[in-house]
Amino acid sequence: MNRIQPLKKNQDFQYVFKKGRATANRQFVIYVLKQGEQSYARVGLSVSRKIGNAVTRNRIKRYIREGLRHYENRFSTGIDCVIIARKPTSELTYWETLRNFRHILKKSDLLNMDKDDLI
């Protein structure tokens, strides 16, 4: 089983918004809710229409999913998490998006990073 599963249902999103702890930087907001004995993490993505057209929104979601895949082995389990992209994200390159995504994951205590990580 994968360590990261998708969070899909609207009621699950709303529950995380109400009960979860929010952490933000300039590009992302992350809501995190601990789920106890869950052996995996569930992650939902939210990219508003305000950010841009469908092509831009899908590109941002691809970048975030790739960041999740990249950090999957270091990602905390037993949580539900909603990641919201903010407007400045639409102007970032892939590498800038990964760097800012890593920053918000570390800030919200979702990653266990080693000193030798370069990305």
PDB file of N, CA and C in Angstrom:
ATOM      1  N   MET A   1       0.839  -1.190   0.000  1.00  0.00           N
ATOM      2  CA  MET A   1       0.000   0.000   0.000  1.00  0.00           C
ATOM      3  C   MET A   1       0.883   1.252   0.000  1.00  0.00           C
ATOM      4  N   ASN A   2       0.471   2.250  -0.746  1.00  0.00           N
ATOM      5  CA  ASN A   2       1.223   3.494  -0.796  1.00  0.00           C
ATOM      6  C   ASN A   2       1.142   4.235   0.532  1.00  0.00           C
ATOM      7  N   ARG A   3       2.161   5.014   0.809  1.00  0.00           N
ATOM      8  CA  ARG A   3       2.184   5.800   2.037  1.00  0.00           C
ATOM      9  C   ARG A   3       1.275   7.022   1.948  1.00  0.00           C
ATOM     10  N   ILE A   4       0.996   7.483   0.718  1.00  0.00           N
ATOM     11  CA  ILE A   4       0.142   8.649   0.522  1.00  0.00           C
ATOM     12  C   ILE A   4      -1.039   8.268  -0.358  1.00  0.00           C
ATOM     13  N   GLN A   5      -2.236   8.453   0.178  1.00  0.00           N
ATOM     14  CA  GLN A   5      -3.479   8.168  -0.532  1.00  0.00           C
ATOM     15  C   GLN A   5      -4.182   9.491  -0.829  1.00  0.00           C
ATOM     16  N   PRO A   6      -5.056   9.535  -1.837  1.00  0.00           N
ATOM     17  CA  PRO A   6      -5.777  10.779  -2.119  1.00  0.00           C
ATOM     18  C   PRO A   6      -6.926  11.022  -1.136  1.00  0.00           C
ATOM     19  N   LEU A   7      -7.152  12.273  -0.823  1.00  0.00           N
ATOM     20  CA  LEU A   7      -8.307  12.701  -0.038  1.00  0.00           C
ATOM     21  C   LEU A   7      -9.286  13.283  -1.044  1.00  0.00           C
ATOM     22  N   LYS A   8     -10.458  12.664  -1.214  1.00  0.00           N
ATOM     23  CA  LYS A   8     -11.332  13.023  -2.324  1.00  0.00           C
ATOM     24  C   LYS A   8     -12.679  13.609  -1.922  1.00  0.00           C
ATOM     25  N   LYS A   9     -13.265  13.139  -0.846  1.00  0.00           N
ATOM     26  CA  LYS A   9     -14.635  13.525  -0.520  1.00  0.00           C
ATOM     27  C   LYS A   9     -14.694  14.922   0.095  1.00  0.00           C
ATOM     28  N   ASN A  10     -15.716  15.670  -0.315  1.00  0.00           N
ATOM     29  CA  ASN A  10     -15.905  17.028   0.179  1.00  0.00           C
ATOM     30  C   ASN A  10     -16.043  17.055   1.701  1.00  0.00           C
ATOM     31  N   GLN A  11     -16.748  16.092   2.272  1.00  0.00           N
ATOM     32  CA  GLN A  11     -16.931  16.085   3.725  1.00  0.00           C
ATOM     33  C   GLN A  11     -15.605  15.860   4.440  1.00  0.00           C
ATOM     34  N   ASP A  12     -14.691  15.089   3.848  1.00  0.00           N
ATOM     35  CA  ASP A  12     -13.365  14.911   4.438  1.00  0.00           C
ATOM     36  C   ASP A  12     -12.567  16.217   4.388  1.00  0.00           C
ATOM     37  N   PHE A  13     -12.654  16.934   3.255  1.00  0.00           N
ATOM     38  CA  PHE A  13     -12.003  18.234   3.142  1.00  0.00           C
ATOM     39  C   PHE A  13     -12.528  19.184   4.214  1.00  0.00           C
ATOM     40  N   GLN A  14     -13.854  19.254   4.343  1.00  0.00           N
ATOM     41  CA  GLN A  14     -14.462  20.170   5.308  1.00  0.00           C
ATOM     42  C   GLN A  14     -14.071  19.827   6.740  1.00  0.00           C
ATOM     43  N   TYR A  15     -13.984  18.538   7.054  1.00  0.00           N
ATOM     44  CA  TYR A  15     -13.592  18.106   8.394  1.00  0.00           C
ATOM     45  C   TYR A  15     -12.152  18.528   8.701  1.00  0.00           C
ATOM     46  N   VAL A  16     -11.266  18.385   7.724  1.00  0.00           N
ATOM     47  CA  VAL A  16      -9.872  18.805   7.912  1.00  0.00           C
ATOM     48  C   VAL A  16      -9.798  20.320   8.077  1.00  0.00           C
ATOM     49  N   PHE A  17     -10.594  21.065   7.308  1.00  0.00           N
ATOM     50  CA  PHE A  17     -10.614  22.524   7.440  1.00  0.00           C
ATOM     51  C   PHE A  17     -11.073  22.947   8.836  1.00  0.00           C
ATOM     52  N   LYS A  18     -12.100  22.281   9.363  1.00  0.00           N
ATOM     53  CA  LYS A  18     -12.661  22.657  10.669  1.00  0.00           C
ATOM     54  C   LYS A  18     -11.765  22.248  11.830  1.00  0.00           C
ATOM     55  N   LYS A  19     -11.254  21.036  11.802  1.00  0.00           N
ATOM     56  CA  LYS A  19     -10.542  20.483  12.953  1.00  0.00           C
ATOM     57  C   LYS A  19      -9.023  20.549  12.834  1.00  0.00           C
ATOM     58  N   GLY A  20      -8.513  20.799  11.630  1.00  0.00           N
ATOM     59  CA  GLY A  20      -7.070  20.726  11.396  1.00  0.00           C
ATOM     60  C   GLY A  20      -6.329  21.987  11.806  1.00  0.00           C
ATOM     61  N   ARG A  21      -5.018  21.865  11.821  1.00  0.00           N
ATOM     62  CA  ARG A  21      -4.101  22.955  12.154  1.00  0.00           C
ATOM     63  C   ARG A  21      -3.545  23.496  10.846  1.00  0.00           C
ATOM     64  N   ALA A  22      -3.587  24.817  10.679  1.00  0.00           N
ATOM     65  CA  ALA A  22      -3.152  25.440   9.423  1.00  0.00           C
ATOM     66  C   ALA A  22      -1.736  25.991   9.542  1.00  0.00           C
ATOM     67  N   THR A  23      -0.976  25.837   8.474  1.00  0.00           N
ATOM     68  CA  THR A  23       0.354  26.418   8.347  1.00  0.00           C
ATOM     69  C   THR A  23       0.430  27.023   6.955  1.00  0.00           C
ATOM     70  N   ALA A  24       1.061  28.205   6.862  1.00  0.00           N
ATOM     71  CA  ALA A  24       1.077  28.880   5.566  1.00  0.00           C
ATOM     72  C   ALA A  24       2.422  29.531   5.290  1.00  0.00           C
ATOM     73  N   ASN A  25       2.729  29.632   4.023  1.00  0.00           N
ATOM     74  CA  ASN A  25       3.798  30.509   3.553  1.00  0.00           C
ATOM     75  C   ASN A  25       3.205  31.294   2.387  1.00  0.00           C
ATOM     76  N   ARG A  26       4.029  31.964   1.627  1.00  0.00           N
ATOM     77  CA  ARG A  26       3.506  32.829   0.567  1.00  0.00           C
ATOM     78  C   ARG A  26       2.832  32.055  -0.559  1.00  0.00           C
ATOM     79  N   GLN A  27       3.244  30.826  -0.817  1.00  0.00           N
ATOM     80  CA  GLN A  27       2.724  30.068  -1.946  1.00  0.00           C
ATOM     81  C   GLN A  27       1.677  29.018  -1.581  1.00  0.00           C
ATOM     82  N   PHE A  28       1.729  28.484  -0.365  1.00  0.00           N
ATOM     83  CA  PHE A  28       0.858  27.369   0.004  1.00  0.00           C
ATOM     84  C   PHE A  28       0.256  27.557   1.386  1.00  0.00           C
ATOM     85  N   VAL A  29      -0.898  26.923   1.597  1.00  0.00           N
ATOM     86  CA  VAL A  29      -1.499  26.762   2.916  1.00  0.00           C
ATOM     87  C   VAL A  29      -1.716  25.264   3.085  1.00  0.00           C
ATOM     88  N   ILE A  30      -1.342  24.728   4.238  1.00  0.00           N
ATOM     89  CA  ILE A  30      -1.554  23.306   4.510  1.00  0.00           C
ATOM     90  C   ILE A  30      -2.358  23.171   5.799  1.00  0.00           C
ATOM     91  N   TYR A  31      -3.453  22.417   5.714  1.00  0.00           N
ATOM     92  CA  TYR A  31      -4.235  22.048   6.879  1.00  0.00           C
ATOM     93  C   TYR A  31      -3.897  20.598   7.207  1.00  0.00           C
ATOM     94  N   VAL A  32      -3.558  20.327   8.467  1.00  0.00           N
ATOM     95  CA  VAL A  32      -3.154  18.989   8.876  1.00  0.00           C
ATOM     96  C   VAL A  32      -4.018  18.543  10.045  1.00  0.00           C
ATOM     97  N   LEU A  33      -4.514  17.307   9.960  1.00  0.00           N
ATOM     98  CA  LEU A  33      -5.316  16.716  11.023  1.00  0.00           C
ATOM     99  C   LEU A  33      -4.772  15.329  11.330  1.00  0.00           C
ATOM    100  N   LYS A  34      -4.375  15.091  12.568  1.00  0.00           N
ATOM    101  CA  LYS A  34      -3.871  13.778  12.987  1.00  0.00           C
ATOM    102  C   LYS A  34      -5.024  12.778  12.996  1.00  0.00           C
ATOM    103  N   GLN A  35      -4.743  11.540  12.512  1.00  0.00           N
ATOM    104  CA  GLN A  35      -5.775  10.510  12.423  1.00  0.00           C
ATOM    105  C   GLN A  35      -5.416   9.238  13.171  1.00  0.00           C
ATOM    106  N   GLY A  36      -4.534   9.309  14.116  1.00  0.00           N
ATOM    107  CA  GLY A  36      -4.255   8.168  14.979  1.00  0.00           C
ATOM    108  C   GLY A  36      -3.511   7.032  14.313  1.00  0.00           C
ATOM    109  N   GLU A  37      -4.136   5.868  14.268  1.00  0.00           N
ATOM    110  CA  GLU A  37      -3.482   4.629  13.867  1.00  0.00           C
ATOM    111  C   GLU A  37      -3.493   4.376  12.364  1.00  0.00           C
ATOM    112  N   GLN A  38      -3.787   5.361  11.578  1.00  0.00           N
ATOM    113  CA  GLN A  38      -3.790   5.226  10.121  1.00  0.00           C
ATOM    114  C   GLN A  38      -2.361   4.977   9.642  1.00  0.00           C
ATOM    115  N   SER A  39      -2.139   3.945   8.838  1.00  0.00           N
ATOM    116  CA  SER A  39      -0.781   3.589   8.407  1.00  0.00           C
ATOM    117  C   SER A  39      -0.362   4.310   7.134  1.00  0.00           C
ATOM    118  N   TYR A  40      -1.131   5.282   6.724  1.00  0.00           N
ATOM    119  CA  TYR A  40      -0.833   6.039   5.517  1.00  0.00           C
ATOM    120  C   TYR A  40      -1.296   7.479   5.745  1.00  0.00           C
ATOM    121  N   ALA A  41      -0.935   8.350   4.840  1.00  0.00           N
ATOM    122  CA  ALA A  41      -1.384   9.743   4.875  1.00  0.00           C
ATOM    123  C   ALA A  41      -2.367   9.956   3.734  1.00  0.00           C
ATOM    124  N   ARG A  42      -3.396  10.757   3.971  1.00  0.00           N
ATOM    125  CA  ARG A  42      -4.317  11.130   2.913  1.00  0.00           C
ATOM    126  C   ARG A  42      -4.103  12.610   2.618  1.00  0.00           C
ATOM    127  N   VAL A  43      -3.924  12.921   1.336  1.00  0.00           N
ATOM    128  CA  VAL A  43      -3.619  14.286   0.934  1.00  0.00           C
ATOM    129  C   VAL A  43      -4.606  14.728  -0.137  1.00  0.00           C
ATOM    130  N   GLY A  44      -5.177  15.918   0.055  1.00  0.00           N
ATOM    131  CA  GLY A  44      -6.056  16.524  -0.928  1.00  0.00           C
ATOM    132  C   GLY A  44      -5.446  17.812  -1.446  1.00  0.00           C
ATOM    133  N   LEU A  45      -5.701  18.111  -2.700  1.00  0.00           N
ATOM    134  CA  LEU A  45      -5.171  19.323  -3.324  1.00  0.00           C
ATOM    135  C   LEU A  45      -6.319  20.257  -3.671  1.00  0.00           C
ATOM    136  N   SER A  46      -6.061  21.558  -3.508  1.00  0.00           N
ATOM    137  CA  SER A  46      -7.030  22.565  -3.884  1.00  0.00           C
ATOM    138  C   SER A  46      -6.313  23.698  -4.600  1.00  0.00           C
ATOM    139  N   VAL A  47      -6.687  23.914  -5.856  1.00  0.00           N
ATOM    140  CA  VAL A  47      -6.123  25.004  -6.656  1.00  0.00           C
ATOM    141  C   VAL A  47      -7.304  25.774  -7.225  1.00  0.00           C
ATOM    142  N   SER A  48      -7.485  27.002  -6.782  1.00  0.00           N
ATOM    143  CA  SER A  48      -8.642  27.812  -7.133  1.00  0.00           C
ATOM    144  C   SER A  48      -8.588  28.312  -8.571  1.00  0.00           C
ATOM    145  N   ARG A  49      -9.745  28.636  -9.104  1.00  0.00           N
ATOM    146  CA  ARG A  49      -9.832  29.234 -10.433  1.00  0.00           C
ATOM    147  C   ARG A  49      -9.179  30.606 -10.483  1.00  0.00           C
ATOM    148  N   LYS A  50      -9.076  31.251  -9.336  1.00  0.00           N
ATOM    149  CA  LYS A  50      -8.450  32.578  -9.273  1.00  0.00           C
ATOM    150  C   LYS A  50      -6.983  32.534  -9.693  1.00  0.00           C
ATOM    151  N   ILE A  51      -6.384  31.374  -9.592  1.00  0.00           N
ATOM    152  CA  ILE A  51      -4.955  31.235  -9.896  1.00  0.00           C
ATOM    153  C   ILE A  51      -4.693  31.296 -11.395  1.00  0.00           C
ATOM    154  N   GLY A  52      -5.601  30.785 -12.189  1.00  0.00           N
ATOM    155  CA  GLY A  52      -5.381  30.819 -13.630  1.00  0.00           C
ATOM    156  C   GLY A  52      -6.319  29.877 -14.352  1.00  0.00           C
ATOM    157  N   ASN A  53      -6.025  29.682 -15.627  1.00  0.00           N
ATOM    158  CA  ASN A  53      -6.871  28.800 -16.432  1.00  0.00           C
ATOM    159  C   ASN A  53      -6.583  27.334 -16.100  1.00  0.00           C
ATOM    160  N   ALA A  54      -7.285  26.427 -16.742  1.00  0.00           N
ATOM    161  CA  ALA A  54      -7.180  25.004 -16.427  1.00  0.00           C
ATOM    162  C   ALA A  54      -5.761  24.476 -16.641  1.00  0.00           C
ATOM    163  N   VAL A  55      -5.095  24.961 -17.673  1.00  0.00           N
ATOM    164  CA  VAL A  55      -3.735  24.507 -17.950  1.00  0.00           C
ATOM    165  C   VAL A  55      -2.811  24.871 -16.796  1.00  0.00           C
ATOM    166  N   THR A  56      -2.914  26.094 -16.306  1.00  0.00           N
ATOM    167  CA  THR A  56      -2.081  26.550 -15.196  1.00  0.00           C
ATOM    168  C   THR A  56      -2.395  25.772 -13.918  1.00  0.00           C
ATOM    169  N   ARG A  57      -3.677  25.596 -13.617  1.00  0.00           N
ATOM    170  CA  ARG A  57      -4.071  24.875 -12.404  1.00  0.00           C
ATOM    171  C   ARG A  57      -3.592  23.424 -12.447  1.00  0.00           C
ATOM    172  N   ASN A  58      -3.730  22.773 -13.599  1.00  0.00           N
ATOM    173  CA  ASN A  58      -3.285  21.383 -13.707  1.00  0.00           C
ATOM    174  C   ASN A  58      -1.767  21.268 -13.609  1.00  0.00           C
ATOM    175  N   ARG A  59      -1.035  22.245 -14.141  1.00  0.00           N
ATOM    176  CA  ARG A  59       0.421  22.241 -14.026  1.00  0.00           C
ATOM    177  C   ARG A  59       0.832  22.355 -12.559  1.00  0.00           C
ATOM    178  N   ILE A  60       0.182  23.221 -11.811  1.00  0.00           N
ATOM    179  CA  ILE A  60       0.489  23.373 -10.389  1.00  0.00           C
ATOM    180  C   ILE A  60       0.193  22.077  -9.643  1.00  0.00           C
ATOM    181  N   LYS A  61      -0.925  21.441  -9.948  1.00  0.00           N
ATOM    182  CA  LYS A  61      -1.263  20.169  -9.286  1.00  0.00           C
ATOM    183  C   LYS A  61      -0.255  19.080  -9.623  1.00  0.00           C
ATOM    184  N   ARG A  62       0.211  19.047 -10.869  1.00  0.00           N
ATOM    185  CA  ARG A  62       1.246  18.074 -11.246  1.00  0.00           C
ATOM    186  C   ARG A  62       2.521  18.317 -10.454  1.00  0.00           C
ATOM    187  N   TYR A  63       2.927  19.581 -10.315  1.00  0.00           N
ATOM    188  CA  TYR A  63       4.126  19.914  -9.556  1.00  0.00           C
ATOM    189  C   TYR A  63       3.980  19.480  -8.095  1.00  0.00           C
ATOM    190  N   ILE A  64       2.813  19.715  -7.503  1.00  0.00           N
ATOM    191  CA  ILE A  64       2.596  19.337  -6.107  1.00  0.00           C
ATOM    192  C   ILE A  64       2.617  17.816  -5.964  1.00  0.00           C
ATOM    193  N   ARG A  65       1.957  17.112  -6.870  1.00  0.00           N
ATOM    194  CA  ARG A  65       1.951  15.640  -6.804  1.00  0.00           C
ATOM    195  C   ARG A  65       3.367  15.086  -6.961  1.00  0.00           C
ATOM    196  N   GLU A  66       4.151  15.692  -7.838  1.00  0.00           N
ATOM    197  CA  GLU A  66       5.534  15.256  -8.012  1.00  0.00           C
ATOM    198  C   GLU A  66       6.338  15.528  -6.739  1.00  0.00           C
ATOM    199  N   GLY A  67       6.089  16.649  -6.097  1.00  0.00           N
ATOM    200  CA  GLY A  67       6.736  16.931  -4.817  1.00  0.00           C
ATOM    201  C   GLY A  67       6.351  15.908  -3.759  1.00  0.00           C
ATOM    202  N   LEU A  68       5.078  15.525  -3.727  1.00  0.00           N
ATOM    203  CA  LEU A  68       4.634  14.487  -2.793  1.00  0.00           C
ATOM    204  C   LEU A  68       5.315  13.160  -3.084  1.00  0.00           C
ATOM    205  N   ARG A  69       5.408  12.818  -4.371  1.00  0.00           N
ATOM    206  CA  ARG A  69       6.073  11.576  -4.744  1.00  0.00           C
ATOM    207  C   ARG A  69       7.548  11.616  -4.348  1.00  0.00           C
ATOM    208  N   HIS A  70       8.162  12.765  -4.540  1.00  0.00           N
ATOM    209  CA  HIS A  70       9.578  12.923  -4.225  1.00  0.00           C
ATOM    210  C   HIS A  70       9.844  12.753  -2.724  1.00  0.00           C
ATOM    211  N   TYR A  71       8.952  13.266  -1.879  1.00  0.00           N
ATOM    212  CA  TYR A  71       9.147  13.222  -0.426  1.00  0.00           C
ATOM    213  C   TYR A  71       8.331  12.125   0.248  1.00  0.00           C
ATOM    214  N   GLU A  72       7.791  11.191  -0.521  1.00  0.00           N
ATOM    215  CA  GLU A  72       6.900  10.169   0.029  1.00  0.00           C
ATOM    216  C   GLU A  72       7.544   9.350   1.151  1.00  0.00           C
ATOM    217  N   ASN A  73       8.812   8.998   1.012  1.00  0.00           N
ATOM    218  CA  ASN A  73       9.468   8.175   2.029  1.00  0.00           C
ATOM    219  C   ASN A  73       9.710   8.919   3.333  1.00  0.00           C
ATOM    220  N   ARG A  74       9.710  10.245   3.295  1.00  0.00           N
ATOM    221  CA  ARG A  74       9.941  11.058   4.488  1.00  0.00           C
ATOM    222  C   ARG A  74       8.652  11.649   5.052  1.00  0.00           C
ATOM    223  N   PHE A  75       7.535  11.418   4.376  1.00  0.00           N
ATOM    224  CA  PHE A  75       6.259  12.027   4.747  1.00  0.00           C
ATOM    225  C   PHE A  75       5.666  11.338   5.970  1.00  0.00           C
ATOM    226  N   SER A  76       5.100  12.112   6.890  1.00  0.00           N
ATOM    227  CA  SER A  76       4.467  11.558   8.085  1.00  0.00           C
ATOM    228  C   SER A  76       3.236  10.743   7.709  1.00  0.00           C
ATOM    229  N   THR A  77       2.966   9.701   8.478  1.00  0.00           N
ATOM    230  CA  THR A  77       1.766   8.898   8.252  1.00  0.00           C
ATOM    231  C   THR A  77       0.778   9.167   9.383  1.00  0.00           C
ATOM    232  N   GLY A  78      -0.447   8.684   9.218  1.00  0.00           N
ATOM    233  CA  GLY A  78      -1.463   8.864  10.239  1.00  0.00           C
ATOM    234  C   GLY A  78      -2.062  10.258  10.247  1.00  0.00           C
ATOM    235  N   ILE A  79      -2.087  10.913   9.091  1.00  0.00           N
ATOM    236  CA  ILE A  79      -2.632  12.263   9.013  1.00  0.00           C
ATOM    237  C   ILE A  79      -3.536  12.409   7.797  1.00  0.00           C
ATOM    238  N   ASP A  80      -4.417  13.394   7.872  1.00  0.00           N
ATOM    239  CA  ASP A  80      -5.139  13.890   6.712  1.00  0.00           C
ATOM    240  C   ASP A  80      -4.633  15.303   6.474  1.00  0.00           C
ATOM    241  N   CYS A  81      -4.433  15.650   5.213  1.00  0.00           N
ATOM    242  CA  CYS A  81      -3.783  16.910   4.884  1.00  0.00           C
ATOM    243  C   CYS A  81      -4.445  17.498   3.635  1.00  0.00           C
ATOM    244  N   VAL A  82      -4.696  18.813   3.661  1.00  0.00           N
ATOM    245  CA  VAL A  82      -5.206  19.523   2.488  1.00  0.00           C
ATOM    246  C   VAL A  82      -4.195  20.593   2.131  1.00  0.00           C
ATOM    247  N   ILE A  83      -3.755  20.595   0.888  1.00  0.00           N
ATOM    248  CA  ILE A  83      -2.776  21.558   0.397  1.00  0.00           C
ATOM    249  C   ILE A  83      -3.495  22.528  -0.534  1.00  0.00           C
ATOM    250  N   ILE A  84      -3.400  23.814  -0.216  1.00  0.00           N
ATOM    251  CA  ILE A  84      -4.039  24.849  -1.018  1.00  0.00           C
ATOM    252  C   ILE A  84      -2.946  25.699  -1.644  1.00  0.00           C
ATOM    253  N   ALA A  85      -3.003  25.856  -2.960  1.00  0.00           N
ATOM    254  CA  ALA A  85      -2.041  26.694  -3.677  1.00  0.00           C
ATOM    255  C   ALA A  85      -2.562  28.123  -3.709  1.00  0.00           C
ATOM    256  N   ARG A  86      -1.663  29.074  -3.480  1.00  0.00           N
ATOM    257  CA  ARG A  86      -2.015  30.484  -3.546  1.00  0.00           C
ATOM    258  C   ARG A  86      -1.596  31.067  -4.895  1.00  0.00           C
ATOM    259  N   LYS A  87      -2.023  32.291  -5.150  1.00  0.00           N
ATOM    260  CA  LYS A  87      -1.817  32.958  -6.443  1.00  0.00           C
ATOM    261  C   LYS A  87      -0.363  32.998  -6.911  1.00  0.00           C
ATOM    262  N   PRO A  88       0.634  33.329  -6.058  1.00  0.00           N
ATOM    263  CA  PRO A  88       2.014  33.404  -6.565  1.00  0.00           C
ATOM    264  C   PRO A  88       2.553  32.083  -7.119  1.00  0.00           C
ATOM    265  N   THR A  89       1.907  30.980  -6.808  1.00  0.00           N
ATOM    266  CA  THR A  89       2.367  29.675  -7.280  1.00  0.00           C
ATOM    267  C   THR A  89       2.327  29.581  -8.803  1.00  0.00           C
ATOM    268  N   SER A  90       1.420  30.310  -9.428  1.00  0.00           N
ATOM    269  CA  SER A  90       1.271  30.216 -10.875  1.00  0.00           C
ATOM    270  C   SER A  90       2.478  30.762 -11.632  1.00  0.00           C
ATOM    271  N   GLU A  91       3.299  31.569 -10.983  1.00  0.00           N
ATOM    272  CA  GLU A  91       4.442  32.185 -11.647  1.00  0.00           C
ATOM    273  C   GLU A  91       5.758  31.473 -11.354  1.00  0.00           C
ATOM    274  N   LEU A  92       5.709  30.396 -10.588  1.00  0.00           N
ATOM    275  CA  LEU A  92       6.930  29.696 -10.193  1.00  0.00           C
ATOM    276  C   LEU A  92       7.325  28.629 -11.202  1.00  0.00           C
ATOM    277  N   THR A  93       8.632  28.386 -11.278  1.00  0.00           N
ATOM    278  CA  THR A  93       9.125  27.271 -12.074  1.00  0.00           C
ATOM    279  C   THR A  93       8.967  25.994 -11.257  1.00  0.00           C
ATOM    280  N   TYR A  94       9.263  24.872 -11.881  1.00  0.00           N
ATOM    281  CA  TYR A  94       9.178  23.583 -11.194  1.00  0.00           C
ATOM    282  C   TYR A  94      10.063  23.551  -9.952  1.00  0.00           C
ATOM    283  N   TRP A  95      11.305  23.993 -10.090  1.00  0.00           N
ATOM    284  CA  TRP A  95      12.247  23.914  -8.977  1.00  0.00           C
ATOM    285  C   TRP A  95      11.886  24.880  -7.858  1.00  0.00           C
ATOM    286  N   GLU A  96      11.387  26.044  -8.202  1.00  0.00           N
ATOM    287  CA  GLU A  96      10.935  26.998  -7.176  1.00  0.00           C
ATOM    288  C   GLU A  96       9.714  26.442  -6.437  1.00  0.00           C
ATOM    289  N   THR A  97       8.822  25.799  -7.169  1.00  0.00           N
ATOM    290  CA  THR A  97       7.650  25.193  -6.544  1.00  0.00           C
ATOM    291  C   THR A  97       8.067  24.099  -5.574  1.00  0.00           C
ATOM    292  N   LEU A  98       9.007  23.240  -5.992  1.00  0.00           N
ATOM    293  CA  LEU A  98       9.489  22.181  -5.092  1.00  0.00           C
ATOM    294  C   LEU A  98      10.140  22.753  -3.842  1.00  0.00           C
ATOM    295  N   ARG A  99      10.944  23.792  -4.006  1.00  0.00           N
ATOM    296  CA  ARG A  99      11.627  24.394  -2.862  1.00  0.00           C
ATOM    297  C   ARG A  99      10.612  24.989  -1.881  1.00  0.00           C
ATOM    298  N   ASN A 100       9.616  25.708  -2.386  1.00  0.00           N
ATOM    299  CA  ASN A 100       8.595  26.289  -1.515  1.00  0.00           C
ATOM    300  C   ASN A 100       7.703  25.218  -0.903  1.00  0.00           C
ATOM    301  N   PHE A 101       7.439  24.164  -1.650  1.00  0.00           N
ATOM    302  CA  PHE A 101       6.640  23.050  -1.129  1.00  0.00           C
ATOM    303  C   PHE A 101       7.382  22.347   0.006  1.00  0.00           C
ATOM    304  N   ARG A 102       8.687  22.112  -0.178  1.00  0.00           N
ATOM    305  CA  ARG A 102       9.488  21.510   0.889  1.00  0.00           C
ATOM    306  C   ARG A 102       9.482  22.400   2.123  1.00  0.00           C
ATOM    307  N   HIS A 103       9.585  23.711   1.930  1.00  0.00           N
ATOM    308  CA  HIS A 103       9.584  24.646   3.053  1.00  0.00           C
ATOM    309  C   HIS A 103       8.302  24.534   3.871  1.00  0.00           C
ATOM    310  N   ILE A 104       7.155  24.503   3.208  1.00  0.00           N
ATOM    311  CA  ILE A 104       5.892  24.434   3.941  1.00  0.00           C
ATOM    312  C   ILE A 104       5.697  23.064   4.594  1.00  0.00           C
ATOM    313  N   LEU A 105       6.192  22.000   3.969  1.00  0.00           N
ATOM    314  CA  LEU A 105       6.101  20.679   4.594  1.00  0.00           C
ATOM    315  C   LEU A 105       6.948  20.618   5.859  1.00  0.00           C
ATOM    316  N   LYS A 106       8.146  21.189   5.805  1.00  0.00           N
ATOM    317  CA  LYS A 106       8.999  21.222   6.996  1.00  0.00           C
ATOM    318  C   LYS A 106       8.402  22.108   8.078  1.00  0.00           C
ATOM    319  N   LYS A 107       7.844  23.234   7.684  1.00  0.00           N
ATOM    320  CA  LYS A 107       7.255  24.181   8.629  1.00  0.00           C
ATOM    321  C   LYS A 107       6.065  23.562   9.358  1.00  0.00           C
ATOM    322  N   SER A 108       5.324  22.705   8.678  1.00  0.00           N
ATOM    323  CA  SER A 108       4.167  22.059   9.287  1.00  0.00           C
ATOM    324  C   SER A 108       4.520  20.711   9.927  1.00  0.00           C
ATOM    325  N   ASP A 109       5.809  20.394  10.033  1.00  0.00           N
ATOM    326  CA  ASP A 109       6.310  19.164  10.658  1.00  0.00           C
ATOM    327  C   ASP A 109       5.798  17.896   9.993  1.00  0.00           C
ATOM    328  N   LEU A 110       5.705  17.906   8.678  1.00  0.00           N
ATOM    329  CA  LEU A 110       5.270  16.720   7.944  1.00  0.00           C
ATOM    330  C   LEU A 110       6.435  15.937   7.355  1.00  0.00           C
ATOM    331  N   LEU A 111       7.637  16.500   7.377  1.00  0.00           N
ATOM    332  CA  LEU A 111       8.807  15.846   6.787  1.00  0.00           C
ATOM    333  C   LEU A 111       9.878  15.623   7.839  1.00  0.00           C
ATOM    334  N   ASN A 112      10.570  14.530   7.664  1.00  0.00           N
ATOM    335  CA  ASN A 112      11.793  14.272   8.424  1.00  0.00           C
ATOM    336  C   ASN A 112      12.937  14.383   7.453  1.00  0.00           C
ATOM    337  N   MET A 113      13.632  15.524   7.473  1.00  0.00           N
ATOM    338  CA  MET A 113      14.674  15.800   6.479  1.00  0.00           C
ATOM    339  C   MET A 113      16.055  15.482   7.034  1.00  0.00           C
ATOM    340  N   ASP A 114      16.921  15.004   6.126  1.00  0.00           N
ATOM    341  CA  ASP A 114      18.325  14.799   6.439  1.00  0.00           C
ATOM    342  C   ASP A 114      19.109  16.011   5.986  1.00  0.00           C
ATOM    343  N   LYS A 115      20.292  16.206   6.549  1.00  0.00           N
ATOM    344  CA  LYS A 115      21.122  17.343   6.167  1.00  0.00           C
ATOM    345  C   LYS A 115      21.633  17.223   4.738  1.00  0.00           C
ATOM    346  N   ASP A 116      21.721  16.008   4.208  1.00  0.00           N
ATOM    347  CA  ASP A 116      22.283  15.832   2.870  1.00  0.00           C
ATOM    348  C   ASP A 116      21.262  15.986   1.747  1.00  0.00           C
ATOM    349  N   ASP A 117      20.038  16.415   2.054  1.00  0.00           N
ATOM    350  CA  ASP A 117      19.041  16.654   1.019  1.00  0.00           C
ATOM    351  C   ASP A 117      19.389  17.912   0.246  1.00  0.00           C
ATOM    352  N   LEU A 118      19.419  17.802  -1.070  1.00  0.00           N
ATOM    353  CA  LEU A 118      19.811  18.927  -1.899  1.00  0.00           C
ATOM    354  C   LEU A 118      18.614  19.688  -2.448  1.00  0.00           C
ATOM    355  N   ILE A 119      17.523  19.023  -2.682  1.00  0.00           N
ATOM    356  CA  ILE A 119      16.365  19.674  -3.308  1.00  0.00           C
ATOM    357  C   ILE A 119      15.549  20.399  -2.274  1.00  0.00           C
TER     358      ILE A 119
END
